[in-house]
Amino acid sequence: MREMLNKAVSLGFGLAAASKEQIEKLAEEWVKKGELSRAESKEFVEELVKKGEEARDKADSMIRDRVQSMLGEDRYATKEELERLERRLDALELKLS
């Protein structure tokens, strides 16, 4: 089971980021071939889904950090800051009307 899990993980981000349904389909094929038991199949799916989520989270974080370093934190307003300014403008417009 561990060897098979290592093989699947070694396929890279593509499989790790695959949808749960795709991973379940792969596991089901391995069960039919006798390469995995039903119990191992469930564990395999859970492990790959978890690794896929971790890989996505790590990639998201790396991209966010890279974009922030390219733009510089002091030069651009965040989405939250823009929304706050829009609310203030709306309030001022109401006072002027």
PDB file of N, CA and C in Angstrom:
ATOM      1  N   MET A   1       0.828  -1.191   0.000  1.00  0.00           N
ATOM      2  CA  MET A   1       0.000   0.000   0.000  1.00  0.00           C
ATOM      3  C   MET A   1       0.868   1.249   0.000  1.00  0.00           C
ATOM      4  N   ARG A   2       1.875   1.300   0.873  1.00  0.00           N
ATOM      5  CA  ARG A   2       2.739   2.471   0.954  1.00  0.00           C
ATOM      6  C   ARG A   2       3.480   2.686  -0.361  1.00  0.00           C
ATOM      7  N   GLU A   3       3.934   1.612  -0.953  1.00  0.00           N
ATOM      8  CA  GLU A   3       4.654   1.725  -2.226  1.00  0.00           C
ATOM      9  C   GLU A   3       3.733   2.314  -3.302  1.00  0.00           C
ATOM     10  N   MET A   4       2.514   1.845  -3.332  1.00  0.00           N
ATOM     11  CA  MET A   4       1.554   2.336  -4.311  1.00  0.00           C
ATOM     12  C   MET A   4       1.235   3.805  -4.052  1.00  0.00           C
ATOM     13  N   LEU A   5       1.112   4.178  -2.775  1.00  0.00           N
ATOM     14  CA  LEU A   5       0.857   5.567  -2.418  1.00  0.00           C
ATOM     15  C   LEU A   5       2.031   6.438  -2.855  1.00  0.00           C
ATOM     16  N   ASN A   6       3.232   5.963  -2.633  1.00  0.00           N
ATOM     17  CA  ASN A   6       4.408   6.716  -3.054  1.00  0.00           C
ATOM     18  C   ASN A   6       4.455   6.887  -4.568  1.00  0.00           C
ATOM     19  N   LYS A   7       4.060   5.866  -5.304  1.00  0.00           N
ATOM     20  CA  LYS A   7       4.019   5.973  -6.759  1.00  0.00           C
ATOM     21  C   LYS A   7       3.023   7.043  -7.193  1.00  0.00           C
ATOM     22  N   ALA A   8       1.868   7.038  -6.571  1.00  0.00           N
ATOM     23  CA  ALA A   8       0.838   8.007  -6.926  1.00  0.00           C
ATOM     24  C   ALA A   8       1.285   9.426  -6.596  1.00  0.00           C
ATOM     25  N   VAL A   9       1.888   9.596  -5.438  1.00  0.00           N
ATOM     26  CA  VAL A   9       2.360  10.921  -5.043  1.00  0.00           C
ATOM     27  C   VAL A   9       3.467  11.381  -5.970  1.00  0.00           C
ATOM     28  N   SER A  10       4.279  10.465  -6.433  1.00  0.00           N
ATOM     29  CA  SER A  10       5.378  10.830  -7.313  1.00  0.00           C
ATOM     30  C   SER A  10       4.907  11.281  -8.688  1.00  0.00           C
ATOM     31  N   LEU A  11       3.647  11.105  -9.001  1.00  0.00           N
ATOM     32  CA  LEU A  11       3.120  11.609 -10.260  1.00  0.00           C
ATOM     33  C   LEU A  11       3.098  13.134 -10.287  1.00  0.00           C
ATOM     34  N   GLY A  12       3.277  13.741  -9.125  1.00  0.00           N
ATOM     35  CA  GLY A  12       3.410  15.193  -9.059  1.00  0.00           C
ATOM     36  C   GLY A  12       2.119  15.905  -8.738  1.00  0.00           C
ATOM     37  N   PHE A  13       2.155  17.223  -8.907  1.00  0.00           N
ATOM     38  CA  PHE A  13       1.015  18.063  -8.581  1.00  0.00           C
ATOM     39  C   PHE A  13      -0.222  17.680  -9.367  1.00  0.00           C
ATOM     40  N   GLY A  14      -0.063  17.207 -10.574  1.00  0.00           N
ATOM     41  CA  GLY A  14      -1.219  16.878 -11.401  1.00  0.00           C
ATOM     42  C   GLY A  14      -2.170  15.927 -10.707  1.00  0.00           C
ATOM     43  N   LEU A  15      -1.650  14.822 -10.227  1.00  0.00           N
ATOM     44  CA  LEU A  15      -2.508  13.852  -9.549  1.00  0.00           C
ATOM     45  C   LEU A  15      -2.875  14.337  -8.158  1.00  0.00           C
ATOM     46  N   ALA A  16      -1.923  14.960  -7.481  1.00  0.00           N
ATOM     47  CA  ALA A  16      -2.195  15.435  -6.126  1.00  0.00           C
ATOM     48  C   ALA A  16      -3.291  16.485  -6.128  1.00  0.00           C
ATOM     49  N   ALA A  17      -3.363  17.252  -7.202  1.00  0.00           N
ATOM     50  CA  ALA A  17      -4.367  18.311  -7.288  1.00  0.00           C
ATOM     51  C   ALA A  17      -5.640  17.833  -7.981  1.00  0.00           C
ATOM     52  N   ALA A  18      -5.658  16.590  -8.370  1.00  0.00           N
ATOM     53  CA  ALA A  18      -6.826  16.059  -9.072  1.00  0.00           C
ATOM     54  C   ALA A  18      -8.041  16.060  -8.160  1.00  0.00           C
ATOM     55  N   SER A  19      -9.189  16.022  -8.776  1.00  0.00           N
ATOM     56  CA  SER A  19     -10.411  16.018  -7.986  1.00  0.00           C
ATOM     57  C   SER A  19     -10.549  14.698  -7.229  1.00  0.00           C
ATOM     58  N   LYS A  20     -11.318  14.753  -6.183  1.00  0.00           N
ATOM     59  CA  LYS A  20     -11.555  13.566  -5.366  1.00  0.00           C
ATOM     60  C   LYS A  20     -12.165  12.448  -6.214  1.00  0.00           C
ATOM     61  N   GLU A  21     -13.037  12.818  -7.135  1.00  0.00           N
ATOM     62  CA  GLU A  21     -13.684  11.816  -7.981  1.00  0.00           C
ATOM     63  C   GLU A  21     -12.663  11.084  -8.854  1.00  0.00           C
ATOM     64  N   GLN A  22     -11.704  11.804  -9.383  1.00  0.00           N
ATOM     65  CA  GLN A  22     -10.683  11.180 -10.209  1.00  0.00           C
ATOM     66  C   GLN A  22      -9.825  10.232  -9.383  1.00  0.00           C
ATOM     67  N   ILE A  23      -9.492  10.655  -8.172  1.00  0.00           N
ATOM     68  CA  ILE A  23      -8.685   9.810  -7.291  1.00  0.00           C
ATOM     69  C   ILE A  23      -9.465   8.554  -6.903  1.00  0.00           C
ATOM     70  N   GLU A  24     -10.756   8.719  -6.608  1.00  0.00           N
ATOM     71  CA  GLU A  24     -11.588   7.565  -6.266  1.00  0.00           C
ATOM     72  C   GLU A  24     -11.681   6.595  -7.435  1.00  0.00           C
ATOM     73  N   LYS A  25     -11.776   7.122  -8.657  1.00  0.00           N
ATOM     74  CA  LYS A  25     -11.843   6.271  -9.833  1.00  0.00           C
ATOM     75  C   LYS A  25     -10.554   5.458  -9.977  1.00  0.00           C
ATOM     76  N   LEU A  26      -9.410   6.106  -9.779  1.00  0.00           N
ATOM     77  CA  LEU A  26      -8.128   5.411  -9.847  1.00  0.00           C
ATOM     78  C   LEU A  26      -8.057   4.319  -8.782  1.00  0.00           C
ATOM     79  N   ALA A  27      -8.468   4.650  -7.569  1.00  0.00           N
ATOM     80  CA  ALA A  27      -8.436   3.669  -6.482  1.00  0.00           C
ATOM     81  C   ALA A  27      -9.355   2.495  -6.784  1.00  0.00           C
ATOM     82  N   GLU A  28     -10.536   2.770  -7.341  1.00  0.00           N
ATOM     83  CA  GLU A  28     -11.483   1.703  -7.688  1.00  0.00           C
ATOM     84  C   GLU A  28     -10.885   0.755  -8.737  1.00  0.00           C
ATOM     85  N   GLU A  29     -10.173   1.331  -9.696  1.00  0.00           N
ATOM     86  CA  GLU A  29      -9.516   0.490 -10.710  1.00  0.00           C
ATOM     87  C   GLU A  29      -8.494  -0.427 -10.054  1.00  0.00           C
ATOM     88  N   TRP A  30      -7.736   0.096  -9.099  1.00  0.00           N
ATOM     89  CA  TRP A  30      -6.736  -0.704  -8.416  1.00  0.00           C
ATOM     90  C   TRP A  30      -7.382  -1.788  -7.560  1.00  0.00           C
ATOM     91  N   VAL A  31      -8.554  -1.494  -6.987  1.00  0.00           N
ATOM     92  CA  VAL A  31      -9.280  -2.509  -6.205  1.00  0.00           C
ATOM     93  C   VAL A  31      -9.725  -3.630  -7.138  1.00  0.00           C
ATOM     94  N   LYS A  32     -10.258  -3.265  -8.309  1.00  0.00           N
ATOM     95  CA  LYS A  32     -10.715  -4.280  -9.278  1.00  0.00           C
ATOM     96  C   LYS A  32      -9.565  -5.157  -9.743  1.00  0.00           C
ATOM     97  N   LYS A  33      -8.380  -4.572  -9.874  1.00  0.00           N
ATOM     98  CA  LYS A  33      -7.209  -5.334 -10.305  1.00  0.00           C
ATOM     99  C   LYS A  33      -6.596  -6.140  -9.163  1.00  0.00           C
ATOM    100  N   GLY A  34      -7.088  -5.910  -7.942  1.00  0.00           N
ATOM    101  CA  GLY A  34      -6.555  -6.617  -6.791  1.00  0.00           C
ATOM    102  C   GLY A  34      -5.286  -6.001  -6.235  1.00  0.00           C
ATOM    103  N   GLU A  35      -4.966  -4.802  -6.669  1.00  0.00           N
ATOM    104  CA  GLU A  35      -3.755  -4.150  -6.195  1.00  0.00           C
ATOM    105  C   GLU A  35      -3.964  -3.421  -4.871  1.00  0.00           C
ATOM    106  N   LEU A  36      -5.231  -3.178  -4.527  1.00  0.00           N
ATOM    107  CA  LEU A  36      -5.589  -2.516  -3.268  1.00  0.00           C
ATOM    108  C   LEU A  36      -6.820  -3.200  -2.692  1.00  0.00           C
ATOM    109  N   SER A  37      -6.901  -3.246  -1.359  1.00  0.00           N
ATOM    110  CA  SER A  37      -8.130  -3.718  -0.723  1.00  0.00           C
ATOM    111  C   SER A  37      -9.068  -2.525  -0.586  1.00  0.00           C
ATOM    112  N   ARG A  38     -10.326  -2.765  -0.246  1.00  0.00           N
ATOM    113  CA  ARG A  38     -11.293  -1.676  -0.048  1.00  0.00           C
ATOM    114  C   ARG A  38     -10.818  -0.722   1.053  1.00  0.00           C
ATOM    115  N   ALA A  39     -10.313  -1.281   2.153  1.00  0.00           N
ATOM    116  CA  ALA A  39      -9.835  -0.450   3.270  1.00  0.00           C
ATOM    117  C   ALA A  39      -8.650   0.405   2.825  1.00  0.00           C
ATOM    118  N   GLU A  40      -7.717  -0.206   2.099  1.00  0.00           N
ATOM    119  CA  GLU A  40      -6.563   0.537   1.609  1.00  0.00           C
ATOM    120  C   GLU A  40      -6.996   1.617   0.617  1.00  0.00           C
ATOM    121  N   SER A  41      -8.024   1.311  -0.153  1.00  0.00           N
ATOM    122  CA  SER A  41      -8.538   2.256  -1.130  1.00  0.00           C
ATOM    123  C   SER A  41      -9.031   3.521  -0.450  1.00  0.00           C
ATOM    124  N   LYS A  42      -9.796   3.351   0.624  1.00  0.00           N
ATOM    125  CA  LYS A  42     -10.320   4.508   1.355  1.00  0.00           C
ATOM    126  C   LYS A  42      -9.183   5.346   1.920  1.00  0.00           C
ATOM    127  N   GLU A  43      -8.206   4.675   2.519  1.00  0.00           N
ATOM    128  CA  GLU A  43      -7.045   5.370   3.090  1.00  0.00           C
ATOM    129  C   GLU A  43      -6.263   6.088   1.987  1.00  0.00           C
ATOM    130  N   PHE A  44      -6.101   5.438   0.845  1.00  0.00           N
ATOM    131  CA  PHE A  44      -5.395   6.006  -0.301  1.00  0.00           C
ATOM    132  C   PHE A  44      -6.070   7.293  -0.771  1.00  0.00           C
ATOM    133  N   VAL A  45      -7.390   7.249  -0.921  1.00  0.00           N
ATOM    134  CA  VAL A  45      -8.145   8.421  -1.387  1.00  0.00           C
ATOM    135  C   VAL A  45      -8.000   9.560  -0.387  1.00  0.00           C
ATOM    136  N   GLU A  46      -8.186   9.265   0.882  1.00  0.00           N
ATOM    137  CA  GLU A  46      -8.086  10.307   1.907  1.00  0.00           C
ATOM    138  C   GLU A  46      -6.700  10.940   1.920  1.00  0.00           C
ATOM    139  N   GLU A  47      -5.677  10.126   1.815  1.00  0.00           N
ATOM    140  CA  GLU A  47      -4.297  10.628   1.835  1.00  0.00           C
ATOM    141  C   GLU A  47      -4.007  11.515   0.627  1.00  0.00           C
ATOM    142  N   LEU A  48      -4.419  11.088  -0.564  1.00  0.00           N
ATOM    143  CA  LEU A  48      -4.159  11.891  -1.755  1.00  0.00           C
ATOM    144  C   LEU A  48      -4.960  13.191  -1.763  1.00  0.00           C
ATOM    145  N   VAL A  49      -6.191  13.133  -1.304  1.00  0.00           N
ATOM    146  CA  VAL A  49      -6.996  14.357  -1.227  1.00  0.00           C
ATOM    147  C   VAL A  49      -6.338  15.332  -0.255  1.00  0.00           C
ATOM    148  N   LYS A  50      -5.891  14.815   0.879  1.00  0.00           N
ATOM    149  CA  LYS A  50      -5.216  15.661   1.871  1.00  0.00           C
ATOM    150  C   LYS A  50      -3.943  16.267   1.270  1.00  0.00           C
ATOM    151  N   LYS A  51      -3.144  15.468   0.598  1.00  0.00           N
ATOM    152  CA  LYS A  51      -1.917  15.969  -0.021  1.00  0.00           C
ATOM    153  C   LYS A  51      -2.229  16.990  -1.111  1.00  0.00           C
ATOM    154  N   GLY A  52      -3.285  16.766  -1.857  1.00  0.00           N
ATOM    155  CA  GLY A  52      -3.690  17.712  -2.883  1.00  0.00           C
ATOM    156  C   GLY A  52      -4.092  19.053  -2.291  1.00  0.00           C
ATOM    157  N   GLU A  53      -4.851  19.010  -1.198  1.00  0.00           N
ATOM    158  CA  GLU A  53      -5.255  20.249  -0.530  1.00  0.00           C
ATOM    159  C   GLU A  53      -4.044  20.980   0.029  1.00  0.00           C
ATOM    160  N   GLU A  54      -3.115  20.228   0.616  1.00  0.00           N
ATOM    161  CA  GLU A  54      -1.899  20.841   1.148  1.00  0.00           C
ATOM    162  C   GLU A  54      -1.074  21.468   0.027  1.00  0.00           C
ATOM    163  N   ALA A  55      -0.982  20.785  -1.101  1.00  0.00           N
ATOM    164  CA  ALA A  55      -0.217  21.312  -2.244  1.00  0.00           C
ATOM    165  C   ALA A  55      -0.858  22.586  -2.774  1.00  0.00           C
ATOM    166  N   ARG A  56      -2.190  22.597  -2.878  1.00  0.00           N
ATOM    167  CA  ARG A  56      -2.882  23.809  -3.333  1.00  0.00           C
ATOM    168  C   ARG A  56      -2.680  24.966  -2.367  1.00  0.00           C
ATOM    169  N   ASP A  57      -2.802  24.682  -1.067  1.00  0.00           N
ATOM    170  CA  ASP A  57      -2.608  25.726  -0.061  1.00  0.00           C
ATOM    171  C   ASP A  57      -1.196  26.297  -0.127  1.00  0.00           C
ATOM    172  N   LYS A  58      -0.224  25.416  -0.284  1.00  0.00           N
ATOM    173  CA  LYS A  58       1.169  25.862  -0.360  1.00  0.00           C
ATOM    174  C   LYS A  58       1.398  26.693  -1.620  1.00  0.00           C
ATOM    175  N   ALA A  59       0.850  26.241  -2.734  1.00  0.00           N
ATOM    176  CA  ALA A  59       0.995  26.992  -3.988  1.00  0.00           C
ATOM    177  C   ALA A  59       0.307  28.349  -3.887  1.00  0.00           C
ATOM    178  N   ASP A  60      -0.893  28.389  -3.312  1.00  0.00           N
ATOM    179  CA  ASP A  60      -1.609  29.660  -3.123  1.00  0.00           C
ATOM    180  C   ASP A  60      -0.781  30.623  -2.284  1.00  0.00           C
ATOM    181  N   SER A  61      -0.219  30.122  -1.209  1.00  0.00           N
ATOM    182  CA  SER A  61       0.581  30.953  -0.315  1.00  0.00           C
ATOM    183  C   SER A  61       1.831  31.475  -1.028  1.00  0.00           C
ATOM    184  N   MET A  62       2.485  30.604  -1.776  1.00  0.00           N
ATOM    185  CA  MET A  62       3.688  31.021  -2.505  1.00  0.00           C
ATOM    186  C   MET A  62       3.353  32.084  -3.541  1.00  0.00           C
ATOM    187  N   ILE A  63       2.262  31.913  -4.249  1.00  0.00           N
ATOM    188  CA  ILE A  63       1.853  32.891  -5.262  1.00  0.00           C
ATOM    189  C   ILE A  63       1.509  34.218  -4.605  1.00  0.00           C
ATOM    190  N   ARG A  64       0.745  34.169  -3.523  1.00  0.00           N
ATOM    191  CA  ARG A  64       0.367  35.388  -2.811  1.00  0.00           C
ATOM    192  C   ARG A  64       1.610  36.135  -2.328  1.00  0.00           C
ATOM    193  N   ASP A  65       2.563  35.403  -1.733  1.00  0.00           N
ATOM    194  CA  ASP A  65       3.791  36.025  -1.251  1.00  0.00           C
ATOM    195  C   ASP A  65       4.588  36.640  -2.395  1.00  0.00           C
ATOM    196  N   ARG A  66       4.640  35.930  -3.504  1.00  0.00           N
ATOM    197  CA  ARG A  66       5.401  36.425  -4.662  1.00  0.00           C
ATOM    198  C   ARG A  66       4.764  37.689  -5.225  1.00  0.00           C
ATOM    199  N   VAL A  67       3.460  37.707  -5.346  1.00  0.00           N
ATOM    200  CA  VAL A  67       2.764  38.888  -5.872  1.00  0.00           C
ATOM    201  C   VAL A  67       2.972  40.070  -4.941  1.00  0.00           C
ATOM    202  N   GLN A  68       2.857  39.834  -3.644  1.00  0.00           N
ATOM    203  CA  GLN A  68       3.065  40.920  -2.687  1.00  0.00           C
ATOM    204  C   GLN A  68       4.481  41.464  -2.760  1.00  0.00           C
ATOM    205  N   SER A  69       5.458  40.586  -2.914  1.00  0.00           N
ATOM    206  CA  SER A  69       6.839  41.067  -2.996  1.00  0.00           C
ATOM    207  C   SER A  69       7.075  41.841  -4.287  1.00  0.00           C
ATOM    208  N   MET A  70       6.399  41.463  -5.371  1.00  0.00           N
ATOM    209  CA  MET A  70       6.544  42.176  -6.647  1.00  0.00           C
ATOM    210  C   MET A  70       5.883  43.550  -6.596  1.00  0.00           C
ATOM    211  N   LEU A  71       4.723  43.623  -5.958  1.00  0.00           N
ATOM    212  CA  LEU A  71       3.975  44.874  -5.929  1.00  0.00           C
ATOM    213  C   LEU A  71       4.407  45.787  -4.795  1.00  0.00           C
ATOM    214  N   GLY A  72       4.889  45.222  -3.735  1.00  0.00           N
ATOM    215  CA  GLY A  72       5.229  46.001  -2.556  1.00  0.00           C
ATOM    216  C   GLY A  72       3.982  46.272  -1.751  1.00  0.00           C
ATOM    217  N   GLU A  73       4.029  45.983  -0.491  1.00  0.00           N
ATOM    218  CA  GLU A  73       2.837  46.094   0.352  1.00  0.00           C
ATOM    219  C   GLU A  73       2.388  47.533   0.542  1.00  0.00           C
ATOM    220  N   ASP A  74       3.297  48.499   0.486  1.00  0.00           N
ATOM    221  CA  ASP A  74       2.947  49.890   0.774  1.00  0.00           C
ATOM    222  C   ASP A  74       2.369  50.628  -0.424  1.00  0.00           C
ATOM    223  N   ARG A  75       2.464  50.077  -1.610  1.00  0.00           N
ATOM    224  CA  ARG A  75       2.091  50.814  -2.810  1.00  0.00           C
ATOM    225  C   ARG A  75       0.639  50.627  -3.215  1.00  0.00           C
ATOM    226  N   TYR A  76       0.009  49.532  -2.842  1.00  0.00           N
ATOM    227  CA  TYR A  76      -1.337  49.230  -3.318  1.00  0.00           C
ATOM    228  C   TYR A  76      -2.275  48.939  -2.157  1.00  0.00           C
ATOM    229  N   ALA A  77      -3.521  49.380  -2.329  1.00  0.00           N
ATOM    230  CA  ALA A  77      -4.542  49.129  -1.310  1.00  0.00           C
ATOM    231  C   ALA A  77      -5.032  47.688  -1.423  1.00  0.00           C
ATOM    232  N   THR A  78      -5.397  47.140  -0.282  1.00  0.00           N
ATOM    233  CA  THR A  78      -5.982  45.798  -0.279  1.00  0.00           C
ATOM    234  C   THR A  78      -7.459  45.894  -0.641  1.00  0.00           C
ATOM    235  N   LYS A  79      -8.042  44.759  -0.946  1.00  0.00           N
ATOM    236  CA  LYS A  79      -9.473  44.710  -1.271  1.00  0.00           C
ATOM    237  C   LYS A  79     -10.304  45.250  -0.097  1.00  0.00           C
ATOM    238  N   GLU A  80      -9.917  44.873   1.102  1.00  0.00           N
ATOM    239  CA  GLU A  80     -10.639  45.327   2.293  1.00  0.00           C
ATOM    240  C   GLU A  80     -10.547  46.845   2.440  1.00  0.00           C
ATOM    241  N   GLU A  81      -9.380  47.421   2.181  1.00  0.00           N
ATOM    242  CA  GLU A  81      -9.218  48.874   2.276  1.00  0.00           C
ATOM    243  C   GLU A  81     -10.081  49.591   1.240  1.00  0.00           C
ATOM    244  N   LEU A  82     -10.131  49.050   0.037  1.00  0.00           N
ATOM    245  CA  LEU A  82     -10.967  49.643  -1.005  1.00  0.00           C
ATOM    246  C   LEU A  82     -12.447  49.587  -0.638  1.00  0.00           C
ATOM    247  N   GLU A  83     -12.870  48.464  -0.092  1.00  0.00           N
ATOM    248  CA  GLU A  83     -14.271  48.333   0.323  1.00  0.00           C
ATOM    249  C   GLU A  83     -14.611  49.322   1.434  1.00  0.00           C
ATOM    250  N   ARG A  84     -13.676  49.499   2.367  1.00  0.00           N
ATOM    251  CA  ARG A  84     -13.887  50.468   3.453  1.00  0.00           C
ATOM    252  C   ARG A  84     -14.007  51.889   2.884  1.00  0.00           C
ATOM    253  N   LEU A  85     -13.155  52.240   1.932  1.00  0.00           N
ATOM    254  CA  LEU A  85     -13.224  53.567   1.313  1.00  0.00           C
ATOM    255  C   LEU A  85     -14.530  53.764   0.543  1.00  0.00           C
ATOM    256  N   GLU A  86     -14.988  52.715  -0.127  1.00  0.00           N
ATOM    257  CA  GLU A  86     -16.262  52.807  -0.855  1.00  0.00           C
ATOM    258  C   GLU A  86     -17.417  53.064   0.111  1.00  0.00           C
ATOM    259  N   ARG A  87     -17.399  52.397   1.264  1.00  0.00           N
ATOM    260  CA  ARG A  87     -18.453  52.621   2.258  1.00  0.00           C
ATOM    261  C   ARG A  87     -18.420  54.060   2.775  1.00  0.00           C
ATOM    262  N   ARG A  88     -17.218  54.579   2.982  1.00  0.00           N
ATOM    263  CA  ARG A  88     -17.089  55.973   3.446  1.00  0.00           C
ATOM    264  C   ARG A  88     -17.597  56.951   2.381  1.00  0.00           C
ATOM    265  N   LEU A  89     -17.267  56.673   1.122  1.00  0.00           N
ATOM    266  CA  LEU A  89     -17.755  57.538   0.035  1.00  0.00           C
ATOM    267  C   LEU A  89     -19.278  57.506  -0.045  1.00  0.00           C
ATOM    268  N   ASP A  90     -19.833  56.326   0.071  1.00  0.00           N
ATOM    269  CA  ASP A  90     -21.302  56.189   0.031  1.00  0.00           C
ATOM    270  C   ASP A  90     -21.930  57.011   1.169  1.00  0.00           C
ATOM    271  N   ALA A  91     -21.339  56.929   2.355  1.00  0.00           N
ATOM    272  CA  ALA A  91     -21.863  57.670   3.504  1.00  0.00           C
ATOM    273  C   ALA A  91     -21.760  59.178   3.251  1.00  0.00           C
ATOM    274  N   LEU A  92     -20.648  59.638   2.693  1.00  0.00           N
ATOM    275  CA  LEU A  92     -20.482  61.068   2.399  1.00  0.00           C
ATOM    276  C   LEU A  92     -21.470  61.543   1.335  1.00  0.00           C
ATOM    277  N   GLU A  93     -21.692  60.724   0.323  1.00  0.00           N
ATOM    278  CA  GLU A  93     -22.654  61.080  -0.730  1.00  0.00           C
ATOM    279  C   GLU A  93     -24.057  61.221  -0.157  1.00  0.00           C
ATOM    280  N   LEU A  94     -24.393  60.342   0.776  1.00  0.00           N
ATOM    281  CA  LEU A  94     -25.713  60.421   1.427  1.00  0.00           C
ATOM    282  C   LEU A  94     -25.853  61.712   2.220  1.00  0.00           C
ATOM    283  N   LYS A  95     -24.783  62.139   2.895  1.00  0.00           N
ATOM    284  CA  LYS A  95     -24.818  63.373   3.671  1.00  0.00           C
ATOM    285  C   LYS A  95     -24.977  64.577   2.748  1.00  0.00           C
ATOM    286  N   LEU A  96     -24.386  64.525   1.564  1.00  0.00           N
ATOM    287  CA  LEU A  96     -24.449  65.647   0.628  1.00  0.00           C
ATOM    288  C   LEU A  96     -25.807  65.739  -0.083  1.00  0.00           C
ATOM    289  N   SER A  97     -26.525  64.646  -0.127  1.00  0.00           N
ATOM    290  CA  SER A  97     -27.806  64.656  -0.837  1.00  0.00           C
ATOM    291  C   SER A  97     -28.912  65.306  -0.050  1.00  0.00           C
TER     292      SER A  97
END
